Protein backbone atom coordinates (compact mmCIF):
# COMPACT_ATOMS: atom_id res chain seq x y z
CA UNK A 1 0.00 0.00 0.00
CA UNK A 2 1.38 3.33 -0.99
CA UNK A 3 0.56 6.62 0.64
CA UNK A 4 0.68 9.95 -1.16
CA UNK A 5 3.90 11.92 -0.53
CA UNK A 6 3.75 14.25 2.47
CA UNK A 7 3.60 17.99 1.91
CA UNK A 8 6.96 19.77 1.82
CA UNK A 9 8.73 17.03 -0.10
CA UNK A 10 9.75 14.87 2.91
CA UNK A 11 10.58 11.32 1.96
CA UNK A 12 10.29 8.32 4.34
CA UNK A 13 13.52 6.21 4.06
CA UNK A 14 11.77 3.05 5.31
CA UNK A 15 9.35 3.23 2.44
CA UNK A 16 12.08 2.53 -0.11
CA UNK A 17 11.50 -0.44 -2.25
CA UNK A 18 13.44 -3.54 -1.39
CA UNK A 19 15.06 -4.89 1.77
CA UNK A 20 17.34 -2.79 3.94
CA UNK A 21 21.04 -3.57 3.87
CA UNK A 22 21.77 -2.93 7.59
CA UNK A 23 19.78 -3.07 10.82
CA UNK A 24 18.57 0.22 12.32
CA UNK A 25 20.98 2.00 14.69
CA UNK A 26 20.64 1.37 18.45
CA UNK A 27 20.10 4.76 20.16
CA UNK A 28 21.79 3.52 23.39
CA UNK A 29 25.11 2.77 21.66
CA UNK A 30 27.60 5.58 21.01
CA UNK A 31 27.90 6.82 17.47
CA UNK A 32 31.21 6.49 15.67
CA UNK A 33 33.73 9.09 16.88
CA UNK A 34 31.71 10.23 19.94
CA UNK A 35 32.77 9.36 23.52
CA UNK A 36 30.57 7.26 25.79
CA UNK A 37 28.53 9.54 28.07
CA UNK A 38 29.35 9.30 31.81
CA UNK A 39 26.95 8.78 34.68
CA UNK A 40 25.35 11.87 36.23
CA UNK A 41 27.35 13.50 39.01
CA UNK A 42 26.07 15.20 42.15
CA UNK A 43 25.95 18.45 40.23
CA UNK A 44 23.34 16.99 37.89
CA UNK A 45 20.38 19.41 37.80
CA UNK A 46 17.98 16.49 37.24
CA UNK A 47 19.16 14.41 40.18
CA UNK A 48 16.50 14.01 42.89
CA UNK A 49 16.93 16.27 45.90
CA UNK A 50 17.16 14.85 49.43
CA UNK A 51 13.93 15.96 51.18
CA UNK A 52 15.48 15.34 54.61
CA UNK A 53 18.69 17.31 54.00
CA UNK A 54 17.80 20.20 56.33
CA UNK A 55 16.47 17.92 59.06
CA UNK A 56 19.58 15.82 59.67
CA UNK A 57 21.10 16.42 63.13
CA UNK A 58 24.56 17.82 63.42
CA UNK A 59 25.57 15.35 66.14
CA UNK A 60 24.85 11.70 65.29
CA UNK A 61 25.37 10.74 68.94
CA UNK A 62 22.85 13.24 70.34
CA UNK A 63 19.96 11.83 72.30
CA UNK A 64 16.76 11.62 70.24
CA UNK A 65 14.14 14.19 71.12
CA UNK A 66 16.62 16.71 72.52
CA UNK A 67 18.02 19.73 70.74
CA UNK A 68 21.69 19.70 69.66
CA UNK A 69 24.33 20.85 72.11
CA UNK A 70 24.44 24.61 72.59
CA UNK A 71 20.75 25.11 71.76
CA UNK A 72 18.49 26.42 74.55
CA UNK A 73 16.14 23.73 75.82
CA UNK A 74 12.51 24.24 76.78
CA UNK A 75 10.11 21.67 78.19
CA UNK A 76 7.70 20.10 75.69
CA UNK A 77 4.80 22.44 75.01
CA UNK A 78 6.73 25.57 75.98
CA UNK A 79 8.42 27.88 73.49
CA UNK A 80 12.21 27.84 73.37
CA UNK A 81 13.90 30.86 74.95
CA UNK A 82 14.55 33.61 72.47
CA UNK A 83 12.14 32.26 69.83
CA UNK A 84 10.45 35.36 68.36
CA UNK A 85 7.78 33.31 66.60
CA UNK A 86 6.70 31.21 69.57
CA UNK A 87 3.08 31.38 70.61
CA UNK A 88 2.53 33.13 73.91
CA UNK A 89 0.07 31.80 76.47
CA UNK A 90 -0.58 28.38 77.87
CA UNK A 91 1.52 25.32 77.07
CA UNK A 92 0.13 22.45 75.03
CA UNK A 93 -2.17 20.23 77.12
CA UNK A 94 -0.69 17.07 78.58
CA UNK A 95 -2.59 13.85 78.04
CA UNK A 96 -1.85 11.54 80.99
CA UNK A 97 -3.81 8.70 79.41
CA UNK A 98 -1.24 8.49 76.63
CA UNK A 99 1.79 8.47 78.88
CA UNK A 100 3.70 5.18 78.96
CA UNK A 101 2.91 3.19 82.07
CA UNK A 102 5.57 3.40 84.71
CA UNK A 103 6.70 0.31 86.54
CA UNK A 104 6.34 2.01 89.94
CA UNK A 105 3.31 1.13 92.06
CA UNK A 106 1.64 3.91 94.00
CA UNK A 107 2.68 3.61 97.66
CA UNK A 108 -0.54 5.14 98.95
CA UNK A 109 -2.56 2.42 97.19
CA UNK A 110 -0.55 -0.26 98.97
CA UNK A 111 -0.99 1.42 102.37
CA UNK A 112 -4.72 1.93 101.74
CA UNK A 113 -5.23 -1.75 100.93
CA UNK A 114 -3.27 -2.86 104.00
CA UNK A 115 -5.28 -0.54 106.29
CA UNK A 116 -8.57 -1.70 104.79
CA UNK A 117 -7.65 -5.35 105.31
CA UNK A 118 -6.48 -4.70 108.88
CA UNK A 119 -9.99 -3.31 109.39
CA UNK A 120 -11.21 -6.92 109.77
CA UNK A 121 -9.54 -7.04 113.19
CA UNK A 122 -9.27 -3.40 114.23
CA UNK A 123 -12.42 -1.75 113.00
CA UNK A 124 -11.08 1.82 113.00
CA UNK A 125 -8.59 1.39 110.13
CA UNK A 126 -11.22 0.39 107.51
CA UNK A 127 -12.61 3.91 106.87
CA UNK A 128 -9.07 5.34 106.88
CA UNK A 129 -8.06 2.79 104.24
CA UNK A 130 -11.13 3.64 102.12
CA UNK A 131 -10.38 7.37 102.20
CA UNK A 132 -6.72 6.75 101.40
CA UNK A 133 -7.86 4.57 98.47
CA UNK A 134 -9.76 7.53 96.99
CA UNK A 135 -6.67 9.74 97.33
CA UNK A 136 -4.48 7.03 95.78
CA UNK A 137 -6.79 6.70 92.74
CA UNK A 138 -6.56 10.45 92.15
CA UNK A 139 -2.76 10.31 92.36
CA UNK A 140 -2.66 7.35 89.96
CA UNK A 141 -4.77 9.22 87.39
CA UNK A 142 -2.44 12.23 87.58
CA UNK A 143 0.92 10.43 87.57
CA UNK A 144 0.17 7.30 85.53
CA UNK A 145 1.56 4.96 88.18
CA UNK A 146 0.33 1.42 88.69
CA UNK A 147 -1.87 0.28 91.56
CA UNK A 148 -5.36 1.18 90.32
CA UNK A 149 -6.69 -2.25 91.30
CA UNK A 150 -5.25 -2.07 94.81
CA UNK A 151 -6.74 1.37 95.38
CA UNK A 152 -10.14 0.20 94.14
CA UNK A 153 -9.98 -2.91 96.38
CA UNK A 154 -9.06 -0.72 99.35
CA UNK A 155 -12.09 1.49 98.68
CA UNK A 156 -14.50 -1.44 98.36
CA UNK A 157 -13.21 -3.40 101.36
CA UNK A 158 -12.88 -0.29 103.50
CA UNK A 159 -16.41 0.98 102.91
CA UNK A 160 -17.99 -2.48 103.31
CA UNK A 161 -16.20 -3.01 106.62
CA UNK A 162 -17.14 0.53 107.71
CA UNK A 163 -20.81 -0.15 106.91
CA UNK A 164 -20.66 -3.44 108.85
CA UNK A 165 -19.05 -1.60 111.76
CA UNK A 166 -21.81 1.03 111.74
CA UNK A 167 -24.47 -1.70 111.64
CA UNK A 168 -22.76 -3.49 114.56
CA UNK A 169 -22.71 -0.28 116.62
CA UNK A 170 -26.39 0.35 115.88
CA UNK A 171 -27.18 -3.25 116.87
CA UNK A 172 -25.33 -2.83 120.22
CA UNK A 173 -27.09 0.47 120.95
CA UNK A 174 -30.51 -1.06 120.23
CA UNK A 175 -29.72 -4.05 122.42
CA UNK A 176 -28.59 -1.79 125.28
CA UNK A 177 -31.75 0.32 124.99
CA UNK A 178 -33.91 -2.82 125.03
CA UNK A 179 -32.03 -4.17 128.05
CA UNK A 180 -32.41 -0.90 129.97
CA UNK A 181 -36.12 -0.65 129.19
CA UNK A 182 -36.78 -4.26 130.19
CA UNK A 183 -35.02 -3.75 133.57
CA UNK A 184 -37.01 -0.63 134.49
CA UNK A 185 -40.36 -2.26 133.69
CA UNK A 186 -39.73 -5.34 135.83
CA UNK A 187 -40.15 -3.36 139.05
CA UNK A 188 -36.89 -3.87 140.88
C-alpha atoms as a PDB file:
ATOM      1  CA  UNK A   1       0.000   0.000   0.000  1.00  0.00           C
ATOM      2  CA  UNK A   2       1.384   3.332  -0.987  1.00  0.00           C
ATOM      3  CA  UNK A   3       0.557   6.623   0.640  1.00  0.00           C
ATOM      4  CA  UNK A   4       0.682   9.953  -1.163  1.00  0.00           C
ATOM      5  CA  UNK A   5       3.898  11.922  -0.535  1.00  0.00           C
ATOM      6  CA  UNK A   6       3.746  14.247   2.465  1.00  0.00           C
ATOM      7  CA  UNK A   7       3.603  17.987   1.906  1.00  0.00           C
ATOM      8  CA  UNK A   8       6.964  19.769   1.819  1.00  0.00           C
ATOM      9  CA  UNK A   9       8.726  17.031  -0.104  1.00  0.00           C
ATOM     10  CA  UNK A  10       9.748  14.871   2.909  1.00  0.00           C
ATOM     11  CA  UNK A  11      10.585  11.317   1.961  1.00  0.00           C
ATOM     12  CA  UNK A  12      10.292   8.320   4.337  1.00  0.00           C
ATOM     13  CA  UNK A  13      13.521   6.215   4.064  1.00  0.00           C
ATOM     14  CA  UNK A  14      11.773   3.046   5.314  1.00  0.00           C
ATOM     15  CA  UNK A  15       9.346   3.233   2.439  1.00  0.00           C
ATOM     16  CA  UNK A  16      12.076   2.525  -0.115  1.00  0.00           C
ATOM     17  CA  UNK A  17      11.498  -0.437  -2.250  1.00  0.00           C
ATOM     18  CA  UNK A  18      13.441  -3.538  -1.390  1.00  0.00           C
ATOM     19  CA  UNK A  19      15.062  -4.894   1.769  1.00  0.00           C
ATOM     20  CA  UNK A  20      17.344  -2.793   3.936  1.00  0.00           C
ATOM     21  CA  UNK A  21      21.044  -3.573   3.871  1.00  0.00           C
ATOM     22  CA  UNK A  22      21.772  -2.927   7.595  1.00  0.00           C
ATOM     23  CA  UNK A  23      19.783  -3.067  10.815  1.00  0.00           C
ATOM     24  CA  UNK A  24      18.571   0.219  12.321  1.00  0.00           C
ATOM     25  CA  UNK A  25      20.984   2.004  14.687  1.00  0.00           C
ATOM     26  CA  UNK A  26      20.642   1.366  18.453  1.00  0.00           C
ATOM     27  CA  UNK A  27      20.100   4.760  20.164  1.00  0.00           C
ATOM     28  CA  UNK A  28      21.791   3.522  23.385  1.00  0.00           C
ATOM     29  CA  UNK A  29      25.107   2.766  21.664  1.00  0.00           C
ATOM     30  CA  UNK A  30      27.599   5.582  21.010  1.00  0.00           C
ATOM     31  CA  UNK A  31      27.898   6.816  17.471  1.00  0.00           C
ATOM     32  CA  UNK A  32      31.208   6.489  15.669  1.00  0.00           C
ATOM     33  CA  UNK A  33      33.733   9.089  16.879  1.00  0.00           C
ATOM     34  CA  UNK A  34      31.711  10.232  19.935  1.00  0.00           C
ATOM     35  CA  UNK A  35      32.773   9.364  23.517  1.00  0.00           C
ATOM     36  CA  UNK A  36      30.567   7.263  25.790  1.00  0.00           C
ATOM     37  CA  UNK A  37      28.534   9.542  28.074  1.00  0.00           C
ATOM     38  CA  UNK A  38      29.353   9.299  31.810  1.00  0.00           C
ATOM     39  CA  UNK A  39      26.948   8.775  34.682  1.00  0.00           C
ATOM     40  CA  UNK A  40      25.350  11.866  36.230  1.00  0.00           C
ATOM     41  CA  UNK A  41      27.349  13.502  39.012  1.00  0.00           C
ATOM     42  CA  UNK A  42      26.067  15.198  42.150  1.00  0.00           C
ATOM     43  CA  UNK A  43      25.953  18.452  40.227  1.00  0.00           C
ATOM     44  CA  UNK A  44      23.337  16.985  37.886  1.00  0.00           C
ATOM     45  CA  UNK A  45      20.377  19.405  37.800  1.00  0.00           C
ATOM     46  CA  UNK A  46      17.977  16.493  37.239  1.00  0.00           C
ATOM     47  CA  UNK A  47      19.164  14.409  40.184  1.00  0.00           C
ATOM     48  CA  UNK A  48      16.500  14.006  42.894  1.00  0.00           C
ATOM     49  CA  UNK A  49      16.933  16.273  45.903  1.00  0.00           C
ATOM     50  CA  UNK A  50      17.157  14.852  49.429  1.00  0.00           C
ATOM     51  CA  UNK A  51      13.934  15.964  51.183  1.00  0.00           C
ATOM     52  CA  UNK A  52      15.485  15.344  54.610  1.00  0.00           C
ATOM     53  CA  UNK A  53      18.689  17.307  53.998  1.00  0.00           C
ATOM     54  CA  UNK A  54      17.795  20.202  56.333  1.00  0.00           C
ATOM     55  CA  UNK A  55      16.475  17.922  59.062  1.00  0.00           C
ATOM     56  CA  UNK A  56      19.580  15.822  59.669  1.00  0.00           C
ATOM     57  CA  UNK A  57      21.096  16.419  63.131  1.00  0.00           C
ATOM     58  CA  UNK A  58      24.563  17.820  63.415  1.00  0.00           C
ATOM     59  CA  UNK A  59      25.573  15.354  66.136  1.00  0.00           C
ATOM     60  CA  UNK A  60      24.854  11.702  65.290  1.00  0.00           C
ATOM     61  CA  UNK A  61      25.368  10.735  68.940  1.00  0.00           C
ATOM     62  CA  UNK A  62      22.853  13.240  70.335  1.00  0.00           C
ATOM     63  CA  UNK A  63      19.956  11.829  72.305  1.00  0.00           C
ATOM     64  CA  UNK A  64      16.758  11.622  70.240  1.00  0.00           C
ATOM     65  CA  UNK A  65      14.137  14.194  71.121  1.00  0.00           C
ATOM     66  CA  UNK A  66      16.622  16.708  72.521  1.00  0.00           C
ATOM     67  CA  UNK A  67      18.024  19.727  70.744  1.00  0.00           C
ATOM     68  CA  UNK A  68      21.687  19.701  69.658  1.00  0.00           C
ATOM     69  CA  UNK A  69      24.331  20.851  72.113  1.00  0.00           C
ATOM     70  CA  UNK A  70      24.444  24.608  72.588  1.00  0.00           C
ATOM     71  CA  UNK A  71      20.752  25.110  71.764  1.00  0.00           C
ATOM     72  CA  UNK A  72      18.488  26.421  74.546  1.00  0.00           C
ATOM     73  CA  UNK A  73      16.140  23.735  75.823  1.00  0.00           C
ATOM     74  CA  UNK A  74      12.508  24.237  76.781  1.00  0.00           C
ATOM     75  CA  UNK A  75      10.114  21.672  78.188  1.00  0.00           C
ATOM     76  CA  UNK A  76       7.699  20.104  75.689  1.00  0.00           C
ATOM     77  CA  UNK A  77       4.795  22.442  75.014  1.00  0.00           C
ATOM     78  CA  UNK A  78       6.728  25.572  75.976  1.00  0.00           C
ATOM     79  CA  UNK A  79       8.421  27.881  73.485  1.00  0.00           C
ATOM     80  CA  UNK A  80      12.206  27.839  73.365  1.00  0.00           C
ATOM     81  CA  UNK A  81      13.895  30.856  74.951  1.00  0.00           C
ATOM     82  CA  UNK A  82      14.553  33.613  72.472  1.00  0.00           C
ATOM     83  CA  UNK A  83      12.144  32.257  69.833  1.00  0.00           C
ATOM     84  CA  UNK A  84      10.453  35.360  68.365  1.00  0.00           C
ATOM     85  CA  UNK A  85       7.784  33.306  66.595  1.00  0.00           C
ATOM     86  CA  UNK A  86       6.703  31.206  69.569  1.00  0.00           C
ATOM     87  CA  UNK A  87       3.083  31.384  70.611  1.00  0.00           C
ATOM     88  CA  UNK A  88       2.532  33.127  73.908  1.00  0.00           C
ATOM     89  CA  UNK A  89       0.070  31.800  76.474  1.00  0.00           C
ATOM     90  CA  UNK A  90      -0.583  28.381  77.872  1.00  0.00           C
ATOM     91  CA  UNK A  91       1.518  25.324  77.071  1.00  0.00           C
ATOM     92  CA  UNK A  92       0.130  22.451  75.033  1.00  0.00           C
ATOM     93  CA  UNK A  93      -2.165  20.229  77.120  1.00  0.00           C
ATOM     94  CA  UNK A  94      -0.687  17.072  78.580  1.00  0.00           C
ATOM     95  CA  UNK A  95      -2.590  13.845  78.043  1.00  0.00           C
ATOM     96  CA  UNK A  96      -1.849  11.541  80.986  1.00  0.00           C
ATOM     97  CA  UNK A  97      -3.814   8.702  79.406  1.00  0.00           C
ATOM     98  CA  UNK A  98      -1.237   8.493  76.630  1.00  0.00           C
ATOM     99  CA  UNK A  99       1.791   8.466  78.878  1.00  0.00           C
ATOM    100  CA  UNK A 100       3.699   5.179  78.957  1.00  0.00           C
ATOM    101  CA  UNK A 101       2.907   3.193  82.072  1.00  0.00           C
ATOM    102  CA  UNK A 102       5.569   3.405  84.711  1.00  0.00           C
ATOM    103  CA  UNK A 103       6.699   0.310  86.544  1.00  0.00           C
ATOM    104  CA  UNK A 104       6.338   2.009  89.939  1.00  0.00           C
ATOM    105  CA  UNK A 105       3.305   1.133  92.056  1.00  0.00           C
ATOM    106  CA  UNK A 106       1.643   3.910  94.005  1.00  0.00           C
ATOM    107  CA  UNK A 107       2.677   3.609  97.657  1.00  0.00           C
ATOM    108  CA  UNK A 108      -0.536   5.143  98.952  1.00  0.00           C
ATOM    109  CA  UNK A 109      -2.561   2.421  97.186  1.00  0.00           C
ATOM    110  CA  UNK A 110      -0.549  -0.262  98.967  1.00  0.00           C
ATOM    111  CA  UNK A 111      -0.986   1.423 102.372  1.00  0.00           C
ATOM    112  CA  UNK A 112      -4.719   1.933 101.736  1.00  0.00           C
ATOM    113  CA  UNK A 113      -5.235  -1.750 100.931  1.00  0.00           C
ATOM    114  CA  UNK A 114      -3.273  -2.856 104.004  1.00  0.00           C
ATOM    115  CA  UNK A 115      -5.280  -0.543 106.286  1.00  0.00           C
ATOM    116  CA  UNK A 116      -8.568  -1.701 104.786  1.00  0.00           C
ATOM    117  CA  UNK A 117      -7.647  -5.354 105.312  1.00  0.00           C
ATOM    118  CA  UNK A 118      -6.484  -4.702 108.882  1.00  0.00           C
ATOM    119  CA  UNK A 119      -9.994  -3.311 109.394  1.00  0.00           C
ATOM    120  CA  UNK A 120     -11.208  -6.916 109.772  1.00  0.00           C
ATOM    121  CA  UNK A 121      -9.536  -7.041 113.189  1.00  0.00           C
ATOM    122  CA  UNK A 122      -9.270  -3.399 114.234  1.00  0.00           C
ATOM    123  CA  UNK A 123     -12.417  -1.748 112.998  1.00  0.00           C
ATOM    124  CA  UNK A 124     -11.077   1.823 113.001  1.00  0.00           C
ATOM    125  CA  UNK A 125      -8.593   1.392 110.132  1.00  0.00           C
ATOM    126  CA  UNK A 126     -11.217   0.393 107.515  1.00  0.00           C
ATOM    127  CA  UNK A 127     -12.609   3.913 106.870  1.00  0.00           C
ATOM    128  CA  UNK A 128      -9.070   5.339 106.884  1.00  0.00           C
ATOM    129  CA  UNK A 129      -8.057   2.788 104.240  1.00  0.00           C
ATOM    130  CA  UNK A 130     -11.130   3.636 102.121  1.00  0.00           C
ATOM    131  CA  UNK A 131     -10.383   7.368 102.202  1.00  0.00           C
ATOM    132  CA  UNK A 132      -6.717   6.753 101.396  1.00  0.00           C
ATOM    133  CA  UNK A 133      -7.862   4.567  98.475  1.00  0.00           C
ATOM    134  CA  UNK A 134      -9.759   7.535  96.986  1.00  0.00           C
ATOM    135  CA  UNK A 135      -6.672   9.735  97.329  1.00  0.00           C
ATOM    136  CA  UNK A 136      -4.481   7.026  95.783  1.00  0.00           C
ATOM    137  CA  UNK A 137      -6.795   6.698  92.737  1.00  0.00           C
ATOM    138  CA  UNK A 138      -6.556  10.452  92.152  1.00  0.00           C
ATOM    139  CA  UNK A 139      -2.757  10.312  92.356  1.00  0.00           C
ATOM    140  CA  UNK A 140      -2.656   7.351  89.956  1.00  0.00           C
ATOM    141  CA  UNK A 141      -4.769   9.218  87.393  1.00  0.00           C
ATOM    142  CA  UNK A 142      -2.440  12.233  87.577  1.00  0.00           C
ATOM    143  CA  UNK A 143       0.915  10.428  87.575  1.00  0.00           C
ATOM    144  CA  UNK A 144       0.168   7.305  85.527  1.00  0.00           C
ATOM    145  CA  UNK A 145       1.558   4.959  88.182  1.00  0.00           C
ATOM    146  CA  UNK A 146       0.335   1.418  88.687  1.00  0.00           C
ATOM    147  CA  UNK A 147      -1.869   0.277  91.561  1.00  0.00           C
ATOM    148  CA  UNK A 148      -5.359   1.182  90.319  1.00  0.00           C
ATOM    149  CA  UNK A 149      -6.694  -2.254  91.298  1.00  0.00           C
ATOM    150  CA  UNK A 150      -5.251  -2.075  94.809  1.00  0.00           C
ATOM    151  CA  UNK A 151      -6.737   1.369  95.377  1.00  0.00           C
ATOM    152  CA  UNK A 152     -10.142   0.203  94.138  1.00  0.00           C
ATOM    153  CA  UNK A 153      -9.983  -2.908  96.379  1.00  0.00           C
ATOM    154  CA  UNK A 154      -9.063  -0.716  99.354  1.00  0.00           C
ATOM    155  CA  UNK A 155     -12.091   1.494  98.679  1.00  0.00           C
ATOM    156  CA  UNK A 156     -14.499  -1.440  98.358  1.00  0.00           C
ATOM    157  CA  UNK A 157     -13.214  -3.405 101.359  1.00  0.00           C
ATOM    158  CA  UNK A 158     -12.876  -0.286 103.497  1.00  0.00           C
ATOM    159  CA  UNK A 159     -16.406   0.984 102.910  1.00  0.00           C
ATOM    160  CA  UNK A 160     -17.990  -2.479 103.306  1.00  0.00           C
ATOM    161  CA  UNK A 161     -16.198  -3.012 106.625  1.00  0.00           C
ATOM    162  CA  UNK A 162     -17.140   0.525 107.714  1.00  0.00           C
ATOM    163  CA  UNK A 163     -20.808  -0.154 106.905  1.00  0.00           C
ATOM    164  CA  UNK A 164     -20.658  -3.439 108.848  1.00  0.00           C
ATOM    165  CA  UNK A 165     -19.048  -1.596 111.764  1.00  0.00           C
ATOM    166  CA  UNK A 166     -21.806   1.033 111.743  1.00  0.00           C
ATOM    167  CA  UNK A 167     -24.473  -1.699 111.637  1.00  0.00           C
ATOM    168  CA  UNK A 168     -22.763  -3.486 114.557  1.00  0.00           C
ATOM    169  CA  UNK A 169     -22.706  -0.281 116.623  1.00  0.00           C
ATOM    170  CA  UNK A 170     -26.389   0.350 115.878  1.00  0.00           C
ATOM    171  CA  UNK A 171     -27.182  -3.250 116.872  1.00  0.00           C
ATOM    172  CA  UNK A 172     -25.333  -2.832 120.220  1.00  0.00           C
ATOM    173  CA  UNK A 173     -27.094   0.475 120.948  1.00  0.00           C
ATOM    174  CA  UNK A 174     -30.513  -1.059 120.227  1.00  0.00           C
ATOM    175  CA  UNK A 175     -29.718  -4.055 122.424  1.00  0.00           C
ATOM    176  CA  UNK A 176     -28.594  -1.789 125.279  1.00  0.00           C
ATOM    177  CA  UNK A 177     -31.754   0.319 124.987  1.00  0.00           C
ATOM    178  CA  UNK A 178     -33.913  -2.822 125.027  1.00  0.00           C
ATOM    179  CA  UNK A 179     -32.030  -4.175 128.046  1.00  0.00           C
ATOM    180  CA  UNK A 180     -32.406  -0.896 129.965  1.00  0.00           C
ATOM    181  CA  UNK A 181     -36.121  -0.652 129.189  1.00  0.00           C
ATOM    182  CA  UNK A 182     -36.784  -4.263 130.188  1.00  0.00           C
ATOM    183  CA  UNK A 183     -35.018  -3.752 133.567  1.00  0.00           C
ATOM    184  CA  UNK A 184     -37.008  -0.634 134.493  1.00  0.00           C
ATOM    185  CA  UNK A 185     -40.361  -2.258 133.688  1.00  0.00           C
ATOM    186  CA  UNK A 186     -39.726  -5.342 135.827  1.00  0.00           C
ATOM    187  CA  UNK A 187     -40.152  -3.359 139.051  1.00  0.00           C
ATOM    188  CA  UNK A 188     -36.890  -3.870 140.876  1.00  0.00           C
END
